[in-house]
Amino acid sequence: MRSNVESDKTDMPEPIAERFRALRRKAHITQAQLGDILDICRQAVNEIENSRVMPHYSTADRFSDLEARHERERSVGESLLQPLWR
């Protein structure tokens, strides 16, 4: 019997490591800048992007908020480097 693993992969959410890297590149910010925004160190961002560790749930939650904010603000031309929590 043949498995449908390949077709299932398209329905899966993008891995967090790829999402971190993609957002950082789209926003043109460094690992250190993303770390400052998320209140984690640059080394933690590097570890997450290289799939060595999974982010703590609170970091993942802040990251998800940041992704949504980036999508909204991209059309307005605002910068992610503004404080995340106002």
Foldseek 3Di string as FASTA:
>chain_A
DDDPVVVVVVVDDDQPLVVLVVVCVVQVHALQLVCVQLVHHSVVNVCSNVVVDPDDPSSVVLVVLLVVVCVVCVVVVDHSSPHSPD
